[in-house]
Amino acid sequence: MKKQQTEEQNERRLEMRASDILDPNNQIGVKLRSLYAAAQDEAIPDRFLDLLEKLDQAEMMASAKLAE
């Protein structure tokens, strides 16, 4: 069953027309997807993580003061 699905997917990919490849919207989509994938692989900077930690601490302190 999986083999048949894989073959069908491969056939659909081959059926892609040249106009689909040359379509500016398609090209933009491909580039955006690759940019997004690259951004996902980047590490979060330590400075940003420190700022998030400080924000969490400030929110906890503020909520503790309100609870008193």
PDB file of N, CA and C in Angstrom:
ATOM      1  N   MET A   1       0.826  -1.194   0.000  1.00  0.00           N
ATOM      2  CA  MET A   1       0.000   0.000   0.000  1.00  0.00           C
ATOM      3  C   MET A   1       0.876   1.265   0.000  1.00  0.00           C
ATOM      4  N   LYS A   2       1.894   1.303   0.866  1.00  0.00           N
ATOM      5  CA  LYS A   2       2.769   2.467   0.917  1.00  0.00           C
ATOM      6  C   LYS A   2       3.553   2.632  -0.378  1.00  0.00           C
ATOM      7  N   LYS A   3       3.934   1.514  -0.966  1.00  0.00           N
ATOM      8  CA  LYS A   3       4.696   1.579  -2.213  1.00  0.00           C
ATOM      9  C   LYS A   3       3.862   2.231  -3.301  1.00  0.00           C
ATOM     10  N   GLN A   4       2.578   1.892  -3.349  1.00  0.00           N
ATOM     11  CA  GLN A   4       1.684   2.466  -4.353  1.00  0.00           C
ATOM     12  C   GLN A   4       1.508   3.959  -4.109  1.00  0.00           C
ATOM     13  N   GLN A   5       1.367   4.364  -2.846  1.00  0.00           N
ATOM     14  CA  GLN A   5       1.222   5.782  -2.535  1.00  0.00           C
ATOM     15  C   GLN A   5       2.478   6.550  -2.920  1.00  0.00           C
ATOM     16  N   THR A   6       3.624   5.962  -2.652  1.00  0.00           N
ATOM     17  CA  THR A   6       4.887   6.605  -3.000  1.00  0.00           C
ATOM     18  C   THR A   6       5.007   6.765  -4.509  1.00  0.00           C
ATOM     19  N   GLU A   7       4.621   5.749  -5.232  1.00  0.00           N
ATOM     20  CA  GLU A   7       4.676   5.835  -6.697  1.00  0.00           C
ATOM     21  C   GLU A   7       3.724   6.906  -7.214  1.00  0.00           C
ATOM     22  N   GLU A   8       2.546   7.009  -6.608  1.00  0.00           N
ATOM     23  CA  GLU A   8       1.583   8.032  -7.032  1.00  0.00           C
ATOM     24  C   GLU A   8       2.125   9.428  -6.742  1.00  0.00           C
ATOM     25  N   GLN A   9       2.763   9.604  -5.594  1.00  0.00           N
ATOM     26  CA  GLN A   9       3.349  10.898  -5.262  1.00  0.00           C
ATOM     27  C   GLN A   9       4.460  11.252  -6.244  1.00  0.00           C
ATOM     28  N   ASN A  10       5.266  10.275  -6.593  1.00  0.00           N
ATOM     29  CA  ASN A  10       6.341  10.523  -7.561  1.00  0.00           C
ATOM     30  C   ASN A  10       5.771  10.915  -8.920  1.00  0.00           C
ATOM     31  N   GLU A  11       4.692  10.260  -9.318  1.00  0.00           N
ATOM     32  CA  GLU A  11       4.059  10.600 -10.600  1.00  0.00           C
ATOM     33  C   GLU A  11       3.521  12.022 -10.573  1.00  0.00           C
ATOM     34  N   ARG A  12       2.926  12.421  -9.455  1.00  0.00           N
ATOM     35  CA  ARG A  12       2.393  13.794  -9.350  1.00  0.00           C
ATOM     36  C   ARG A  12       3.515  14.814  -9.455  1.00  0.00           C
ATOM     37  N   ARG A  13       4.644  14.505  -8.834  1.00  0.00           N
ATOM     38  CA  ARG A  13       5.783  15.423  -8.910  1.00  0.00           C
ATOM     39  C   ARG A  13       6.287  15.558 -10.344  1.00  0.00           C
ATOM     40  N   LEU A  14       6.305  14.458 -11.059  1.00  0.00           N
ATOM     41  CA  LEU A  14       6.778  14.493 -12.440  1.00  0.00           C
ATOM     42  C   LEU A  14       5.817  15.247 -13.355  1.00  0.00           C
ATOM     43  N   GLU A  15       4.556  15.265 -12.964  1.00  0.00           N
ATOM     44  CA  GLU A  15       3.557  15.935 -13.789  1.00  0.00           C
ATOM     45  C   GLU A  15       3.615  17.456 -13.658  1.00  0.00           C
ATOM     46  N   MET A  16       4.443  17.950 -12.751  1.00  0.00           N
ATOM     47  CA  MET A  16       4.546  19.390 -12.577  1.00  0.00           C
ATOM     48  C   MET A  16       4.978  20.010 -13.901  1.00  0.00           C
ATOM     49  N   ARG A  17       4.243  20.978 -14.335  1.00  0.00           N
ATOM     50  CA  ARG A  17       4.522  21.609 -15.629  1.00  0.00           C
ATOM     51  C   ARG A  17       5.621  22.659 -15.505  1.00  0.00           C
ATOM     52  N   ALA A  18       6.241  22.972 -16.618  1.00  0.00           N
ATOM     53  CA  ALA A  18       7.292  23.992 -16.636  1.00  0.00           C
ATOM     54  C   ALA A  18       6.734  25.335 -16.183  1.00  0.00           C
ATOM     55  N   SER A  19       5.483  25.600 -16.503  1.00  0.00           N
ATOM     56  CA  SER A  19       4.894  26.878 -16.097  1.00  0.00           C
ATOM     57  C   SER A  19       4.781  26.968 -14.580  1.00  0.00           C
ATOM     58  N   ASP A  20       4.569  25.821 -13.909  1.00  0.00           N
ATOM     59  CA  ASP A  20       4.521  25.826 -12.449  1.00  0.00           C
ATOM     60  C   ASP A  20       5.890  26.167 -11.869  1.00  0.00           C
ATOM     61  N   ILE A  21       6.933  25.660 -12.490  1.00  0.00           N
ATOM     62  CA  ILE A  21       8.286  25.912 -12.005  1.00  0.00           C
ATOM     63  C   ILE A  21       8.679  27.365 -12.246  1.00  0.00           C
ATOM     64  N   LEU A  22       8.256  27.921 -13.367  1.00  0.00           N
ATOM     65  CA  LEU A  22       8.621  29.289 -13.725  1.00  0.00           C
ATOM     66  C   LEU A  22       7.697  30.331 -13.113  1.00  0.00           C
ATOM     67  N   ASP A  23       6.605  29.901 -12.495  1.00  0.00           N
ATOM     68  CA  ASP A  23       5.644  30.818 -11.895  1.00  0.00           C
ATOM     69  C   ASP A  23       6.316  31.606 -10.771  1.00  0.00           C
ATOM     70  N   PRO A  24       6.262  32.943 -10.810  1.00  0.00           N
ATOM     71  CA  PRO A  24       6.921  33.747  -9.771  1.00  0.00           C
ATOM     72  C   PRO A  24       6.401  33.428  -8.362  1.00  0.00           C
ATOM     73  N   ASN A  25       5.113  33.182  -8.232  1.00  0.00           N
ATOM     74  CA  ASN A  25       4.572  32.859  -6.911  1.00  0.00           C
ATOM     75  C   ASN A  25       5.143  31.550  -6.388  1.00  0.00           C
ATOM     76  N   ASN A  26       5.324  30.590  -7.259  1.00  0.00           N
ATOM     77  CA  ASN A  26       5.910  29.314  -6.862  1.00  0.00           C
ATOM     78  C   ASN A  26       7.365  29.510  -6.437  1.00  0.00           C
ATOM     79  N   GLN A  27       8.091  30.309  -7.183  1.00  0.00           N
ATOM     80  CA  GLN A  27       9.489  30.573  -6.843  1.00  0.00           C
ATOM     81  C   GLN A  27       9.597  31.274  -5.494  1.00  0.00           C
ATOM     82  N   ILE A  28       8.706  32.232  -5.252  1.00  0.00           N
ATOM     83  CA  ILE A  28       8.702  32.935  -3.971  1.00  0.00           C
ATOM     84  C   ILE A  28       8.405  31.953  -2.844  1.00  0.00           C
ATOM     85  N   GLY A  29       7.439  31.086  -3.066  1.00  0.00           N
ATOM     86  CA  GLY A  29       7.081  30.094  -2.054  1.00  0.00           C
ATOM     87  C   GLY A  29       8.238  29.167  -1.724  1.00  0.00           C
ATOM     88  N   VAL A  30       8.941  28.727  -2.744  1.00  0.00           N
ATOM     89  CA  VAL A  30      10.087  27.834  -2.531  1.00  0.00           C
ATOM     90  C   VAL A  30      11.168  28.551  -1.726  1.00  0.00           C
ATOM     91  N   LYS A  31      11.442  29.793  -2.078  1.00  0.00           N
ATOM     92  CA  LYS A  31      12.483  30.541  -1.366  1.00  0.00           C
ATOM     93  C   LYS A  31      12.068  30.827   0.073  1.00  0.00           C
ATOM     94  N   LEU A  32      10.794  31.156   0.286  1.00  0.00           N
ATOM     95  CA  LEU A  32      10.324  31.402   1.649  1.00  0.00           C
ATOM     96  C   LEU A  32      10.406  30.141   2.503  1.00  0.00           C
ATOM     97  N   ARG A  33      10.044  28.999   1.920  1.00  0.00           N
ATOM     98  CA  ARG A  33      10.132  27.741   2.669  1.00  0.00           C
ATOM     99  C   ARG A  33      11.576  27.428   3.051  1.00  0.00           C
ATOM    100  N   SER A  34      12.507  27.660   2.129  1.00  0.00           N
ATOM    101  CA  SER A  34      13.913  27.373   2.443  1.00  0.00           C
ATOM    102  C   SER A  34      14.439  28.350   3.499  1.00  0.00           C
ATOM    103  N   LEU A  35      14.025  29.612   3.433  1.00  0.00           N
ATOM    104  CA  LEU A  35      14.429  30.596   4.434  1.00  0.00           C
ATOM    105  C   LEU A  35      13.875  30.228   5.808  1.00  0.00           C
ATOM    106  N   TYR A  36      12.613  29.818   5.841  1.00  0.00           N
ATOM    107  CA  TYR A  36      11.986  29.422   7.096  1.00  0.00           C
ATOM    108  C   TYR A  36      12.689  28.200   7.688  1.00  0.00           C
ATOM    109  N   ALA A  37      13.023  27.233   6.853  1.00  0.00           N
ATOM    110  CA  ALA A  37      13.715  26.023   7.324  1.00  0.00           C
ATOM    111  C   ALA A  37      15.085  26.391   7.897  1.00  0.00           C
ATOM    112  N   ALA A  38      15.775  27.311   7.250  1.00  0.00           N
ATOM    113  CA  ALA A  38      17.088  27.734   7.744  1.00  0.00           C
ATOM    114  C   ALA A  38      16.951  28.470   9.075  1.00  0.00           C
ATOM    115  N   ALA A  39      15.909  29.300   9.214  1.00  0.00           N
ATOM    116  CA  ALA A  39      15.702  30.031  10.466  1.00  0.00           C
ATOM    117  C   ALA A  39      15.354  29.080  11.606  1.00  0.00           C
ATOM    118  N   GLN A  40      14.638  28.009  11.306  1.00  0.00           N
ATOM    119  CA  GLN A  40      14.293  27.030  12.335  1.00  0.00           C
ATOM    120  C   GLN A  40      15.533  26.330  12.874  1.00  0.00           C
ATOM    121  N   ASP A  41      16.527  26.158  12.044  1.00  0.00           N
ATOM    122  CA  ASP A  41      17.738  25.445  12.440  1.00  0.00           C
ATOM    123  C   ASP A  41      18.696  26.317  13.245  1.00  0.00           C
ATOM    124  N   GLU A  42      18.493  27.629  13.218  1.00  0.00           N
ATOM    125  CA  GLU A  42      19.395  28.525  13.945  1.00  0.00           C
ATOM    126  C   GLU A  42      19.152  28.422  15.445  1.00  0.00           C
ATOM    127  N   ALA A  43      20.220  28.570  16.187  1.00  0.00           N
ATOM    128  CA  ALA A  43      20.126  28.558  17.650  1.00  0.00           C
ATOM    129  C   ALA A  43      19.584  29.905  18.134  1.00  0.00           C
ATOM    130  N   ILE A  44      18.885  29.861  19.255  1.00  0.00           N
ATOM    131  CA  ILE A  44      18.384  31.100  19.856  1.00  0.00           C
ATOM    132  C   ILE A  44      19.548  31.760  20.580  1.00  0.00           C
ATOM    133  N   PRO A  45      19.796  33.041  20.329  1.00  0.00           N
ATOM    134  CA  PRO A  45      20.929  33.721  20.972  1.00  0.00           C
ATOM    135  C   PRO A  45      20.778  33.723  22.498  1.00  0.00           C
ATOM    136  N   ASP A  46      21.906  33.585  23.181  1.00  0.00           N
ATOM    137  CA  ASP A  46      21.907  33.556  24.648  1.00  0.00           C
ATOM    138  C   ASP A  46      21.314  34.840  25.227  1.00  0.00           C
ATOM    139  N   ARG A  47      21.599  35.965  24.607  1.00  0.00           N
ATOM    140  CA  ARG A  47      21.083  37.243  25.113  1.00  0.00           C
ATOM    141  C   ARG A  47      19.552  37.251  25.095  1.00  0.00           C
ATOM    142  N   PHE A  48      18.978  36.706  24.051  1.00  0.00           N
ATOM    143  CA  PHE A  48      17.522  36.652  23.953  1.00  0.00           C
ATOM    144  C   PHE A  48      16.950  35.712  25.012  1.00  0.00           C
ATOM    145  N   LEU A  49      17.604  34.574  25.235  1.00  0.00           N
ATOM    146  CA  LEU A  49      17.155  33.650  26.274  1.00  0.00           C
ATOM    147  C   LEU A  49      17.240  34.292  27.649  1.00  0.00           C
ATOM    148  N   ASP A  50      18.298  35.084  27.895  1.00  0.00           N
ATOM    149  CA  ASP A  50      18.421  35.797  29.168  1.00  0.00           C
ATOM    150  C   ASP A  50      17.287  36.795  29.348  1.00  0.00           C
ATOM    151  N   LEU A  51      16.961  37.507  28.284  1.00  0.00           N
ATOM    152  CA  LEU A  51      15.859  38.475  28.361  1.00  0.00           C
ATOM    153  C   LEU A  51      14.531  37.779  28.646  1.00  0.00           C
ATOM    154  N   LEU A  52      14.302  36.635  28.040  1.00  0.00           N
ATOM    155  CA  LEU A  52      13.076  35.879  28.303  1.00  0.00           C
ATOM    156  C   LEU A  52      13.016  35.413  29.751  1.00  0.00           C
ATOM    157  N   GLU A  53      14.147  34.988  30.279  1.00  0.00           N
ATOM    158  CA  GLU A  53      14.210  34.556  31.676  1.00  0.00           C
ATOM    159  C   GLU A  53      13.900  35.716  32.620  1.00  0.00           C
ATOM    160  N   LYS A  54      14.472  36.893  32.337  1.00  0.00           N
ATOM    161  CA  LYS A  54      14.187  38.072  33.153  1.00  0.00           C
ATOM    162  C   LYS A  54      12.713  38.448  33.084  1.00  0.00           C
ATOM    163  N   LEU A  55      12.118  38.336  31.923  1.00  0.00           N
ATOM    164  CA  LEU A  55      10.700  38.631  31.768  1.00  0.00           C
ATOM    165  C   LEU A  55       9.858  37.665  32.586  1.00  0.00           C
ATOM    166  N   ASP A  56      10.185  36.397  32.550  1.00  0.00           N
ATOM    167  CA  ASP A  56       9.461  35.407  33.354  1.00  0.00           C
ATOM    168  C   ASP A  56       9.555  35.727  34.837  1.00  0.00           C
ATOM    169  N   GLN A  57      10.758  36.094  35.288  1.00  0.00           N
ATOM    170  CA  GLN A  57      10.935  36.431  36.697  1.00  0.00           C
ATOM    171  C   GLN A  57      10.124  37.663  37.073  1.00  0.00           C
ATOM    172  N   ALA A  58      10.135  38.677  36.217  1.00  0.00           N
ATOM    173  CA  ALA A  58       9.373  39.896  36.495  1.00  0.00           C
ATOM    174  C   ALA A  58       7.874  39.603  36.546  1.00  0.00           C
ATOM    175  N   GLU A  59       7.388  38.755  35.659  1.00  0.00           N
ATOM    176  CA  GLU A  59       5.962  38.398  35.662  1.00  0.00           C
ATOM    177  C   GLU A  59       5.596  37.619  36.920  1.00  0.00           C
ATOM    178  N   MET A  60       6.472  36.715  37.364  1.00  0.00           N
ATOM    179  CA  MET A  60       6.193  35.963  38.583  1.00  0.00           C
ATOM    180  C   MET A  60       6.181  36.875  39.796  1.00  0.00           C
ATOM    181  N   MET A  61       7.095  37.827  39.854  1.00  0.00           N
ATOM    182  CA  MET A  61       7.128  38.765  40.974  1.00  0.00           C
ATOM    183  C   MET A  61       5.893  39.649  40.977  1.00  0.00           C
ATOM    184  N   ALA A  62       5.470  40.099  39.796  1.00  0.00           N
ATOM    185  CA  ALA A  62       4.280  40.943  39.706  1.00  0.00           C
ATOM    186  C   ALA A  62       3.033  40.170  40.124  1.00  0.00           C
ATOM    187  N   SER A  63       2.915  38.935  39.708  1.00  0.00           N
ATOM    188  CA  SER A  63       1.739  38.137  40.077  1.00  0.00           C
ATOM    189  C   SER A  63       1.763  37.803  41.562  1.00  0.00           C
ATOM    190  N   ALA A  64       2.953  37.634  42.153  1.00  0.00           N
ATOM    191  CA  ALA A  64       3.055  37.357  43.591  1.00  0.00           C
ATOM    192  C   ALA A  64       2.630  38.584  44.390  1.00  0.00           C
ATOM    193  N   LYS A  65       2.988  39.781  43.921  1.00  0.00           N
ATOM    194  CA  LYS A  65       2.598  41.021  44.618  1.00  0.00           C
ATOM    195  C   LYS A  65       1.096  41.221  44.555  1.00  0.00           C
ATOM    196  N   LEU A  66       0.490  40.865  43.418  1.00  0.00           N
ATOM    197  CA  LEU A  66      -0.958  40.999  43.283  1.00  0.00           C
ATOM    198  C   LEU A  66      -1.693  40.002  44.174  1.00  0.00           C
ATOM    199  N   ALA A  67      -1.105  38.859  44.415  1.00  0.00           N
ATOM    200  CA  ALA A  67      -1.739  37.826  45.221  1.00  0.00           C
ATOM    201  C   ALA A  67      -1.733  38.199  46.703  1.00  0.00           C
ATOM    202  N   GLU A  68      -0.803  39.069  47.104  1.00  0.00           N
ATOM    203  CA  GLU A  68      -0.719  39.457  48.517  1.00  0.00           C
ATOM    204  C   GLU A  68      -1.806  40.364  48.915  1.00  0.00           C
TER     205      GLU A  68
END
